C-alpha atoms as a PDB file:
ATOM      1  CA  UNK A   1     -10.663  77.055  40.995  1.00  0.00           C
ATOM      2  CA  UNK A   2      -7.735  74.624  41.176  1.00  0.00           C
ATOM      3  CA  UNK A   3      -7.561  73.257  44.966  1.00  0.00           C
ATOM      4  CA  UNK A   4      -4.098  73.696  46.589  1.00  0.00           C
ATOM      5  CA  UNK A   5      -2.111  70.510  46.810  1.00  0.00           C
ATOM      6  CA  UNK A   6      -1.035  68.522  49.941  1.00  0.00           C
ATOM      7  CA  UNK A   7       0.809  65.224  50.453  1.00  0.00           C
ATOM      8  CA  UNK A   8       0.650  62.833  53.202  1.00  0.00           C
ATOM      9  CA  UNK A   9       3.266  60.153  53.857  1.00  0.00           C
ATOM     10  CA  UNK A  10       2.574  57.541  56.755  1.00  0.00           C
ATOM     11  CA  UNK A  11       3.232  53.844  56.862  1.00  0.00           C
ATOM     12  CA  UNK A  12      -0.519  53.091  58.036  1.00  0.00           C
ATOM     13  CA  UNK A  13      -2.826  53.117  55.017  1.00  0.00           C
ATOM     14  CA  UNK A  14      -5.687  53.548  57.576  1.00  0.00           C
ATOM     15  CA  UNK A  15      -4.435  56.959  58.734  1.00  0.00           C
ATOM     16  CA  UNK A  16      -3.849  58.056  55.182  1.00  0.00           C
ATOM     17  CA  UNK A  17      -7.291  57.099  54.105  1.00  0.00           C
ATOM     18  CA  UNK A  18      -8.635  58.982  57.187  1.00  0.00           C
ATOM     19  CA  UNK A  19      -6.427  62.161  56.367  1.00  0.00           C
ATOM     20  CA  UNK A  20      -7.618  61.885  52.497  1.00  0.00           C
ATOM     21  CA  UNK A  21     -11.329  61.871  53.497  1.00  0.00           C
ATOM     22  CA  UNK A  22     -10.534  64.770  55.961  1.00  0.00           C
ATOM     23  CA  UNK A  23      -8.961  67.168  53.385  1.00  0.00           C
ATOM     24  CA  UNK A  24     -10.226  66.048  49.937  1.00  0.00           C
ATOM     25  CA  UNK A  25     -12.931  68.860  49.918  1.00  0.00           C
ATOM     26  CA  UNK A  26     -10.488  71.629  50.572  1.00  0.00           C
ATOM     27  CA  UNK A  27      -7.259  70.309  48.874  1.00  0.00           C
ATOM     28  CA  UNK A  28      -6.010  68.151  46.076  1.00  0.00           C
ATOM     29  CA  UNK A  29      -4.658  65.298  48.233  1.00  0.00           C
ATOM     30  CA  UNK A  30      -1.900  62.675  47.400  1.00  0.00           C
ATOM     31  CA  UNK A  31      -0.990  59.844  49.991  1.00  0.00           C
ATOM     32  CA  UNK A  32       1.563  57.373  49.936  1.00  0.00           C
ATOM     33  CA  UNK A  33       3.530  55.004  52.153  1.00  0.00           C
ATOM     34  CA  UNK A  34       6.708  55.417  50.077  1.00  0.00           C
ATOM     35  CA  UNK A  35       9.180  58.337  50.279  1.00  0.00           C
ATOM     36  CA  UNK A  36      10.512  57.716  46.730  1.00  0.00           C
ATOM     37  CA  UNK A  37       6.879  58.296  45.552  1.00  0.00           C
ATOM     38  CA  UNK A  38       6.330  61.347  47.544  1.00  0.00           C
ATOM     39  CA  UNK A  39       9.575  62.913  46.241  1.00  0.00           C
ATOM     40  CA  UNK A  40       8.602  62.176  42.512  1.00  0.00           C
ATOM     41  CA  UNK A  41       5.245  63.859  43.242  1.00  0.00           C
ATOM     42  CA  UNK A  42       6.642  66.774  44.799  1.00  0.00           C
ATOM     43  CA  UNK A  43       9.173  67.082  42.006  1.00  0.00           C
ATOM     44  CA  UNK A  44       6.504  67.256  39.216  1.00  0.00           C
ATOM     45  CA  UNK A  45       3.616  69.351  41.254  1.00  0.00           C
ATOM     46  CA  UNK A  46       3.498  72.485  43.039  1.00  0.00           C
ATOM     47  CA  UNK A  47       2.577  71.127  46.329  1.00  0.00           C
ATOM     48  CA  UNK A  48       1.888  73.541  49.344  1.00  0.00           C
ATOM     49  CA  UNK A  49       2.026  71.512  52.122  1.00  0.00           C
ATOM     50  CA  UNK A  50       3.724  68.021  53.097  1.00  0.00           C
ATOM     51  CA  UNK A  51       2.819  66.094  56.373  1.00  0.00           C
ATOM     52  CA  UNK A  52       4.927  63.199  57.277  1.00  0.00           C
ATOM     53  CA  UNK A  53       4.912  60.460  59.990  1.00  0.00           C
ATOM     54  CA  UNK A  54       8.070  60.180  61.850  1.00  0.00           C
ATOM     55  CA  UNK A  55       8.578  56.252  62.277  1.00  0.00           C
ATOM     56  CA  UNK A  56       8.409  54.293  58.917  1.00  0.00           C
ATOM     57  CA  UNK A  57      10.236  51.196  57.771  1.00  0.00           C
ATOM     58  CA  UNK A  58      12.688  52.743  55.334  1.00  0.00           C
ATOM     59  CA  UNK A  59      13.125  56.520  56.289  1.00  0.00           C
ATOM     60  CA  UNK A  60      12.628  58.772  59.159  1.00  0.00           C
ATOM     61  CA  UNK A  61      10.232  61.596  58.820  1.00  0.00           C
ATOM     62  CA  UNK A  62      12.779  64.088  59.581  1.00  0.00           C
ATOM     63  CA  UNK A  63      14.726  62.755  56.771  1.00  0.00           C
ATOM     64  CA  UNK A  64      11.644  62.968  54.247  1.00  0.00           C
ATOM     65  CA  UNK A  65      11.180  66.616  55.477  1.00  0.00           C
ATOM     66  CA  UNK A  66      14.678  67.470  54.968  1.00  0.00           C
ATOM     67  CA  UNK A  67      14.654  66.121  51.180  1.00  0.00           C
ATOM     68  CA  UNK A  68      11.552  67.945  50.649  1.00  0.00           C
ATOM     69  CA  UNK A  69      13.059  71.337  51.985  1.00  0.00           C
ATOM     70  CA  UNK A  70      15.880  70.818  49.494  1.00  0.00           C
ATOM     71  CA  UNK A  71      13.614  69.788  46.616  1.00  0.00           C
ATOM     72  CA  UNK A  72      10.879  72.116  47.027  1.00  0.00           C
ATOM     73  CA  UNK A  73      11.863  75.349  49.446  1.00  0.00           C
ATOM     74  CA  UNK A  74       8.224  76.598  49.190  1.00  0.00           C
ATOM     75  CA  UNK A  75       6.521  73.684  50.687  1.00  0.00           C
ATOM     76  CA  UNK A  76       5.634  74.082  54.220  1.00  0.00           C
ATOM     77  CA  UNK A  77       6.626  70.623  56.234  1.00  0.00           C
ATOM     78  CA  UNK A  78       4.769  69.436  59.100  1.00  0.00           C
ATOM     79  CA  UNK A  79       5.612  66.363  61.207  1.00  0.00           C
ATOM     80  CA  UNK A  80       2.667  64.392  62.518  1.00  0.00           C
ATOM     81  CA  UNK A  81       3.729  61.639  64.780  1.00  0.00           C
ATOM     82  CA  UNK A  82       2.625  59.594  67.897  1.00  0.00           C
ATOM     83  CA  UNK A  83       6.090  59.586  69.358  1.00  0.00           C
ATOM     84  CA  UNK A  84       7.549  62.650  70.966  1.00  0.00           C
ATOM     85  CA  UNK A  85      11.106  61.607  70.566  1.00  0.00           C
ATOM     86  CA  UNK A  86      13.665  64.016  71.487  1.00  0.00           C
ATOM     87  CA  UNK A  87      16.294  63.357  68.963  1.00  0.00           C
ATOM     88  CA  UNK A  88      13.415  63.297  66.253  1.00  0.00           C
ATOM     89  CA  UNK A  89      12.255  66.784  67.462  1.00  0.00           C
ATOM     90  CA  UNK A  90      15.640  68.380  67.527  1.00  0.00           C
ATOM     91  CA  UNK A  91      16.271  67.150  64.027  1.00  0.00           C
ATOM     92  CA  UNK A  92      12.960  68.315  62.771  1.00  0.00           C
ATOM     93  CA  UNK A  93      14.108  71.699  63.628  1.00  0.00           C
ATOM     94  CA  UNK A  94      17.756  71.533  62.553  1.00  0.00           C
ATOM     95  CA  UNK A  95      17.301  69.494  59.374  1.00  0.00           C
ATOM     96  CA  UNK A  96      13.787  70.020  58.152  1.00  0.00           C
ATOM     97  CA  UNK A  97      12.979  73.449  59.424  1.00  0.00           C
ATOM     98  CA  UNK A  98       9.329  72.273  59.970  1.00  0.00           C
ATOM     99  CA  UNK A  99       6.412  74.503  60.514  1.00  0.00           C
ATOM    100  CA  UNK A 100       4.595  72.515  63.056  1.00  0.00           C
ATOM    101  CA  UNK A 101       5.235  69.490  64.981  1.00  0.00           C
ATOM    102  CA  UNK A 102       1.776  67.714  65.826  1.00  0.00           C
ATOM    103  CA  UNK A 103       1.482  64.515  67.885  1.00  0.00           C
ATOM    104  CA  UNK A 104      -1.023  61.937  67.550  1.00  0.00           C
ATOM    105  CA  UNK A 105      -3.849  61.444  68.231  1.00  0.00           C
ATOM    106  CA  UNK A 106      -4.784  64.906  66.559  1.00  0.00           C
ATOM    107  CA  UNK A 107      -7.831  66.918  66.704  1.00  0.00           C
ATOM    108  CA  UNK A 108      -9.328  67.086  63.219  1.00  0.00           C
ATOM    109  CA  UNK A 109     -10.356  70.979  63.562  1.00  0.00           C
ATOM    110  CA  UNK A 110      -7.066  71.722  65.026  1.00  0.00           C
ATOM    111  CA  UNK A 111      -5.184  69.839  62.333  1.00  0.00           C
ATOM    112  CA  UNK A 112      -7.420  71.539  59.601  1.00  0.00           C
ATOM    113  CA  UNK A 113      -6.713  74.831  61.086  1.00  0.00           C
ATOM    114  CA  UNK A 114      -2.840  74.529  60.975  1.00  0.00           C
ATOM    115  CA  UNK A 115      -2.992  73.071  57.356  1.00  0.00           C
ATOM    116  CA  UNK A 116      -5.247  75.704  56.112  1.00  0.00           C
ATOM    117  CA  UNK A 117      -2.950  78.390  57.518  1.00  0.00           C
ATOM    118  CA  UNK A 118       0.205  76.554  56.133  1.00  0.00           C
ATOM    119  CA  UNK A 119      -1.550  76.385  52.657  1.00  0.00           C
ATOM    120  CA  UNK A 120      -2.319  80.003  52.967  1.00  0.00           C
ATOM    121  CA  UNK A 121       1.265  80.914  53.774  1.00  0.00           C
ATOM    122  CA  UNK A 122       2.771  78.722  51.026  1.00  0.00           C
ATOM    123  CA  UNK A 123       0.509  80.256  48.473  1.00  0.00           C
ATOM    124  CA  UNK A 124       1.236  83.948  49.658  1.00  0.00           C
ATOM    125  CA  UNK A 125       5.289  83.385  49.593  1.00  0.00           C
ATOM    126  CA  UNK A 126       5.454  81.138  46.666  1.00  0.00           C
ATOM    127  CA  UNK A 127       6.780  83.502  43.966  1.00  0.00           C
ATOM    128  CA  UNK A 128       9.155  85.215  46.558  1.00  0.00           C
ATOM    129  CA  UNK A 129      10.578  81.797  47.881  1.00  0.00           C
ATOM    130  CA  UNK A 130      11.366  80.881  44.204  1.00  0.00           C
ATOM    131  CA  UNK A 131      13.194  83.938  43.466  1.00  0.00           C
ATOM    132  CA  UNK A 132      15.274  83.879  46.770  1.00  0.00           C
ATOM    133  CA  UNK A 133      16.033  80.204  45.892  1.00  0.00           C
ATOM    134  CA  UNK A 134      17.180  81.219  42.364  1.00  0.00           C
ATOM    135  CA  UNK A 135      18.934  84.341  43.872  1.00  0.00           C
ATOM    136  CA  UNK A 136      20.979  82.538  46.876  1.00  0.00           C
ATOM    137  CA  UNK A 137      24.410  84.009  45.210  1.00  0.00           C
ATOM    138  CA  UNK A 138      23.198  87.379  45.192  1.00  0.00           C
ATOM    139  CA  UNK A 139      21.780  87.091  48.763  1.00  0.00           C
ATOM    140  CA  UNK A 140      25.155  86.029  49.993  1.00  0.00           C
ATOM    141  CA  UNK A 141      26.718  89.050  48.488  1.00  0.00           C
ATOM    142  CA  UNK A 142      24.017  91.448  50.207  1.00  0.00           C
ATOM    143  CA  UNK A 143      24.555  89.679  53.404  1.00  0.00           C
ATOM    144  CA  UNK A 144      28.517  89.927  53.175  1.00  0.00           C
ATOM    145  CA  UNK A 145      28.192  93.656  52.559  1.00  0.00           C
ATOM    146  CA  UNK A 146      26.254  93.919  55.884  1.00  0.00           C
ATOM    147  CA  UNK A 147      28.547  91.932  58.120  1.00  0.00           C
ATOM    148  CA  UNK A 148      29.329  95.047  60.184  1.00  0.00           C
ATOM    149  CA  UNK A 149      25.862  95.276  61.340  1.00  0.00           C
ATOM    150  CA  UNK A 150      25.433  91.614  62.306  1.00  0.00           C
ATOM    151  CA  UNK A 151      24.228  92.009  66.022  1.00  0.00           C
ATOM    152  CA  UNK A 152      23.949  88.766  68.345  1.00  0.00           C
ATOM    153  CA  UNK A 153      22.313  88.875  71.694  1.00  0.00           C
ATOM    154  CA  UNK A 154      23.287  86.134  74.151  1.00  0.00           C
ATOM    155  CA  UNK A 155      20.884  85.498  76.812  1.00  0.00           C
ATOM    156  CA  UNK A 156      22.716  83.664  79.463  1.00  0.00           C
ATOM    157  CA  UNK A 157      23.290  83.942  83.183  1.00  0.00           C
ATOM    158  CA  UNK A 158      26.797  82.321  82.859  1.00  0.00           C
ATOM    159  CA  UNK A 159      29.188  85.112  81.662  1.00  0.00           C
ATOM    160  CA  UNK A 160      31.823  82.475  80.538  1.00  0.00           C
ATOM    161  CA  UNK A 161      29.446  81.459  77.714  1.00  0.00           C
ATOM    162  CA  UNK A 162      29.133  84.904  76.419  1.00  0.00           C
ATOM    163  CA  UNK A 163      32.913  85.483  76.463  1.00  0.00           C
ATOM    164  CA  UNK A 164      33.386  82.256  74.770  1.00  0.00           C
ATOM    165  CA  UNK A 165      31.041  83.292  72.178  1.00  0.00           C
ATOM    166  CA  UNK A 166      32.389  86.804  71.811  1.00  0.00           C
ATOM    167  CA  UNK A 167      36.035  85.337  71.429  1.00  0.00           C
ATOM    168  CA  UNK A 168      35.112  83.035  68.826  1.00  0.00           C
ATOM    169  CA  UNK A 169      33.057  85.366  66.552  1.00  0.00           C
ATOM    170  CA  UNK A 170      34.083  88.867  67.544  1.00  0.00           C
ATOM    171  CA  UNK A 171      35.678  89.293  64.086  1.00  0.00           C
ATOM    172  CA  UNK A 172      32.419  88.608  62.236  1.00  0.00           C
ATOM    173  CA  UNK A 173      29.673  89.734  64.565  1.00  0.00           C
ATOM    174  CA  UNK A 174      28.919  92.166  67.215  1.00  0.00           C
ATOM    175  CA  UNK A 175      28.219  90.359  70.386  1.00  0.00           C
ATOM    176  CA  UNK A 176      26.142  91.944  73.109  1.00  0.00           C
ATOM    177  CA  UNK A 177      25.170  90.093  76.583  1.00  0.00           C
ATOM    178  CA  UNK A 178      22.351  89.997  78.941  1.00  0.00           C
ATOM    179  CA  UNK A 179      22.380  88.095  82.124  1.00  0.00           C
ATOM    180  CA  UNK A 180      18.864  88.895  83.214  1.00  0.00           C
ATOM    181  CA  UNK A 181      15.588  89.988  81.759  1.00  0.00           C
ATOM    182  CA  UNK A 182      16.029  93.538  82.720  1.00  0.00           C
ATOM    183  CA  UNK A 183      19.254  93.906  80.663  1.00  0.00           C
ATOM    184  CA  UNK A 184      17.745  92.082  77.715  1.00  0.00           C
ATOM    185  CA  UNK A 185      14.780  94.563  77.537  1.00  0.00           C
ATOM    186  CA  UNK A 186      17.163  97.508  77.452  1.00  0.00           C
ATOM    187  CA  UNK A 187      19.315  95.969  74.819  1.00  0.00           C
ATOM    188  CA  UNK A 188      16.396  94.858  72.635  1.00  0.00           C
ATOM    189  CA  UNK A 189      14.967  98.639  72.788  1.00  0.00           C
ATOM    190  CA  UNK A 190      18.249 100.100  72.009  1.00  0.00           C
ATOM    191  CA  UNK A 191      19.547  97.854  69.133  1.00  0.00           C
ATOM    192  CA  UNK A 192      18.070  95.505  66.347  1.00  0.00           C
ATOM    193  CA  UNK A 193      19.526  91.941  66.637  1.00  0.00           C
ATOM    194  CA  UNK A 194      19.492  89.277  63.811  1.00  0.00           C
ATOM    195  CA  UNK A 195      20.095  86.540  65.934  1.00  0.00           C
ATOM    196  CA  UNK A 196      19.857  85.655  69.710  1.00  0.00           C
ATOM    197  CA  UNK A 197      21.561  82.846  71.490  1.00  0.00           C
ATOM    198  CA  UNK A 198      19.691  81.804  74.604  1.00  0.00           C
ATOM    199  CA  UNK A 199      19.447  78.997  77.152  1.00  0.00           C
ATOM    200  CA  UNK A 200      15.789  77.700  78.027  1.00  0.00           C
ATOM    201  CA  UNK A 201      16.425  79.020  81.748  1.00  0.00           C
ATOM    202  CA  UNK A 202      17.797  82.175  83.007  1.00  0.00           C
ATOM    203  CA  UNK A 203      18.606  82.434  86.797  1.00  0.00           C
ATOM    204  CA  UNK A 204      16.698  79.077  87.302  1.00  0.00           C
ATOM    205  CA  UNK A 205      13.661  80.367  85.740  1.00  0.00           C
ATOM    206  CA  UNK A 206      11.888  79.012  82.273  1.00  0.00           C
ATOM    207  CA  UNK A 207      12.132  81.694  79.900  1.00  0.00           C
ATOM    208  CA  UNK A 208      10.774  79.937  76.799  1.00  0.00           C
ATOM    209  CA  UNK A 209       7.712  82.408  76.852  1.00  0.00           C
ATOM    210  CA  UNK A 210      10.149  85.218  76.169  1.00  0.00           C
ATOM    211  CA  UNK A 211      11.212  83.365  72.803  1.00  0.00           C
ATOM    212  CA  UNK A 212       7.563  83.236  72.047  1.00  0.00           C
ATOM    213  CA  UNK A 213       7.176  86.775  72.800  1.00  0.00           C
ATOM    214  CA  UNK A 214      10.192  87.800  70.836  1.00  0.00           C
ATOM    215  CA  UNK A 215       9.008  86.090  67.566  1.00  0.00           C
ATOM    216  CA  UNK A 216       5.750  87.928  67.976  1.00  0.00           C
ATOM    217  CA  UNK A 217       7.373  91.409  68.333  1.00  0.00           C
ATOM    218  CA  UNK A 218      10.350  90.678  65.655  1.00  0.00           C
ATOM    219  CA  UNK A 219       9.413  87.684  63.447  1.00  0.00           C
ATOM    220  CA  UNK A 220      12.878  88.086  61.497  1.00  0.00           C
ATOM    221  CA  UNK A 221      14.650  87.463  64.622  1.00  0.00           C
ATOM    222  CA  UNK A 222      16.402  84.031  64.455  1.00  0.00           C
ATOM    223  CA  UNK A 223      16.517  82.098  67.837  1.00  0.00           C
ATOM    224  CA  UNK A 224      19.295  79.505  68.550  1.00  0.00           C
ATOM    225  CA  UNK A 225      18.652  77.648  71.680  1.00  0.00           C
ATOM    226  CA  UNK A 226      21.797  76.560  73.478  1.00  0.00           C
ATOM    227  CA  UNK A 227      20.769  74.350  76.291  1.00  0.00           C
ATOM    228  CA  UNK A 228      20.739  70.823  77.719  1.00  0.00           C
ATOM    229  CA  UNK A 229      17.717  69.349  76.088  1.00  0.00           C
ATOM    230  CA  UNK A 230      15.733  66.826  78.208  1.00  0.00           C
ATOM    231  CA  UNK A 231      12.165  67.387  77.512  1.00  0.00           C
ATOM    232  CA  UNK A 232      10.875  66.700  74.039  1.00  0.00           C
ATOM    233  CA  UNK A 233       7.620  68.534  74.723  1.00  0.00           C
ATOM    234  CA  UNK A 234       9.412  71.803  75.517  1.00  0.00           C
ATOM    235  CA  UNK A 235      11.087  71.512  72.134  1.00  0.00           C
ATOM    236  CA  UNK A 236       7.886  70.887  70.448  1.00  0.00           C
ATOM    237  CA  UNK A 237       6.514  74.093  72.158  1.00  0.00           C
ATOM    238  CA  UNK A 238       9.764  75.981  70.825  1.00  0.00           C
ATOM    239  CA  UNK A 239       8.915  74.906  67.253  1.00  0.00           C
ATOM    240  CA  UNK A 240       5.044  75.466  67.412  1.00  0.00           C
ATOM    241  CA  UNK A 241       5.230  78.706  69.570  1.00  0.00           C
ATOM    242  CA  UNK A 242       8.652  80.121  69.020  1.00  0.00           C
ATOM    243  CA  UNK A 243       9.794  78.893  65.553  1.00  0.00           C
ATOM    244  CA  UNK A 244      13.402  78.423  66.778  1.00  0.00           C
ATOM    245  CA  UNK A 245      15.843  78.363  64.116  1.00  0.00           C
ATOM    246  CA  UNK A 246      18.127  75.755  65.553  1.00  0.00           C
ATOM    247  CA  UNK A 247      18.595  73.600  68.801  1.00  0.00           C
ATOM    248  CA  UNK A 248      22.137  73.334  69.810  1.00  0.00           C
ATOM    249  CA  UNK A 249      23.163  71.262  72.807  1.00  0.00           C
ATOM    250  CA  UNK A 250      25.684  71.959  75.345  1.00  0.00           C
ATOM    251  CA  UNK A 251      28.513  71.534  75.726  1.00  0.00           C
ATOM    252  CA  UNK A 252      28.939  74.198  72.845  1.00  0.00           C
ATOM    253  CA  UNK A 253      30.491  72.775  69.436  1.00  0.00           C
ATOM    254  CA  UNK A 254      31.776  76.178  68.106  1.00  0.00           C
ATOM    255  CA  UNK A 255      32.118  74.732  64.611  1.00  0.00           C
ATOM    256  CA  UNK A 256      28.472  73.685  64.423  1.00  0.00           C
ATOM    257  CA  UNK A 257      27.562  77.101  65.896  1.00  0.00           C
ATOM    258  CA  UNK A 258      29.432  78.773  63.335  1.00  0.00           C
ATOM    259  CA  UNK A 259      27.679  77.204  60.683  1.00  0.00           C
ATOM    260  CA  UNK A 260      24.193  77.770  62.412  1.00  0.00           C
ATOM    261  CA  UNK A 261      25.021  81.514  62.797  1.00  0.00           C
ATOM    262  CA  UNK A 262      26.125  82.118  59.225  1.00  0.00           C
ATOM    263  CA  UNK A 263      22.771  80.346  58.036  1.00  0.00           C
ATOM    264  CA  UNK A 264      20.897  82.061  60.527  1.00  0.00           C
ATOM    265  CA  UNK A 265      21.971  85.663  59.591  1.00  0.00           C
ATOM    266  CA  UNK A 266      21.444  84.744  55.853  1.00  0.00           C
ATOM    267  CA  UNK A 267      17.786  83.908  56.606  1.00  0.00           C
ATOM    268  CA  UNK A 268      17.313  86.995  58.867  1.00  0.00           C
ATOM    269  CA  UNK A 269      18.672  88.948  56.099  1.00  0.00           C
ATOM    270  CA  UNK A 270      16.215  87.441  53.649  1.00  0.00           C
ATOM    271  CA  UNK A 271      13.343  88.129  56.015  1.00  0.00           C
ATOM    272  CA  UNK A 272      14.277  91.734  56.349  1.00  0.00           C
ATOM    273  CA  UNK A 273      14.502  92.173  52.581  1.00  0.00           C
ATOM    274  CA  UNK A 274      11.142  90.401  52.078  1.00  0.00           C
ATOM    275  CA  UNK A 275       9.159  90.801  55.147  1.00  0.00           C
ATOM    276  CA  UNK A 276       6.370  88.633  53.731  1.00  0.00           C
ATOM    277  CA  UNK A 277       8.464  85.654  54.199  1.00  0.00           C
ATOM    278  CA  UNK A 278       8.319  86.032  57.914  1.00  0.00           C
ATOM    279  CA  UNK A 279       4.681  84.463  57.509  1.00  0.00           C
ATOM    280  CA  UNK A 280       6.329  81.257  57.035  1.00  0.00           C
ATOM    281  CA  UNK A 281       7.563  81.508  60.796  1.00  0.00           C
ATOM    282  CA  UNK A 282       3.984  82.233  61.921  1.00  0.00           C
ATOM    283  CA  UNK A 283       4.047  81.291  65.676  1.00  0.00           C
ATOM    284  CA  UNK A 284       1.088  80.023  67.786  1.00  0.00           C
ATOM    285  CA  UNK A 285      -0.453  82.711  70.047  1.00  0.00           C
ATOM    286  CA  UNK A 286       0.366  82.710  73.727  1.00  0.00           C
ATOM    287  CA  UNK A 287      -2.961  81.931  75.422  1.00  0.00           C
ATOM    288  CA  UNK A 288      -4.439  84.185  78.126  1.00  0.00           C
ATOM    289  CA  UNK A 289      -4.278  81.187  80.601  1.00  0.00           C
ATOM    290  CA  UNK A 290      -0.480  80.819  79.779  1.00  0.00           C
ATOM    291  CA  UNK A 291       0.046  84.359  80.261  1.00  0.00           C
ATOM    292  CA  UNK A 292      -1.481  84.474  83.662  1.00  0.00           C
ATOM    293  CA  UNK A 293       0.850  81.735  84.669  1.00  0.00           C
ATOM    294  CA  UNK A 294       3.873  83.949  83.832  1.00  0.00           C
ATOM    295  CA  UNK A 295       6.058  85.178  86.831  1.00  0.00           C
ATOM    296  CA  UNK A 296       6.353  88.699  87.983  1.00  0.00           C
ATOM    297  CA  UNK A 297       9.815  88.781  86.244  1.00  0.00           C
ATOM    298  CA  UNK A 298       8.404  87.723  82.947  1.00  0.00           C
ATOM    299  CA  UNK A 299       5.389  90.057  83.290  1.00  0.00           C
ATOM    300  CA  UNK A 300       7.955  92.894  83.852  1.00  0.00           C
ATOM    301  CA  UNK A 301       9.785  92.060  80.841  1.00  0.00           C
ATOM    302  CA  UNK A 302       6.567  92.074  78.852  1.00  0.00           C
ATOM    303  CA  UNK A 303       5.782  95.473  80.215  1.00  0.00           C
ATOM    304  CA  UNK A 304       8.829  97.059  78.950  1.00  0.00           C
ATOM    305  CA  UNK A 305       7.265  96.571  75.450  1.00  0.00           C
ATOM    306  CA  UNK A 306       3.771  97.818  76.375  1.00  0.00           C
ATOM    307  CA  UNK A 307       2.353  98.975  72.996  1.00  0.00           C
ATOM    308  CA  UNK A 308       4.017  96.165  70.934  1.00  0.00           C
ATOM    309  CA  UNK A 309       1.689  93.258  70.236  1.00  0.00           C
ATOM    310  CA  UNK A 310       3.530  90.704  72.378  1.00  0.00           C
ATOM    311  CA  UNK A 311       0.406  88.646  73.998  1.00  0.00           C
ATOM    312  CA  UNK A 312      -2.710  88.613  71.718  1.00  0.00           C
END
């Protein structure tokens, strides 16, 4: 049986040797320090997973993974880096749409588990992603026919944010607003949303666990984070545990938001049509220890969805 293919790019040959040794039994491993060599290999082979370092002499890892995404949409992309640089983390979401962000030094067992899961997902969705890539024009027609059902949930305690978004997008989208978790829970139970736009805090409380939970409840929900990003590790968690679709900084740039919303809904509609593609947005589980630290308000939100598999 042919081994799945994995490719690593890093500017340190020592690291590449270590990675090749660790994965050679389970994968057909390609390693390089050169981005052009990597692109050539990916264009000529069916590669399930590409793992890139961020800081390299000629090209940033986020740029490499963006190019991989364009050349081989089925390939799952992972950024492996020793630097939790905020701009790089945000770019990895917005440009590379990466599957995971892993910081060095990594744990071998954890890395192997992530790579094996990514490989499995890429194999399961290969034929479907190829078909959807070839049928993008058709998808847009389908998307255009459902514009009237494109529901956005704005989760923000500042009503002016909601009013601005509603004013800018009311002709294309139905925009609902929740200023607290109780309102959000009621809306989510009544209506199916394709996209939610949310800050990381609500009434001064960190609600990023809500993002993790929502992706477990509804994998086809696209999450746009609209916030003042300051902590790279928070964004890393939003990638690994929440699979956020885009990170948009405040103050709001509505031109960028318009492009992001259009792409997010196109992606949401593909996931609705082909639910197996949601596996490509598989999120890390919320651990029991994390759940214990949730505030009473967060626990109250989760209780509204008792019977749905939110925290496992």
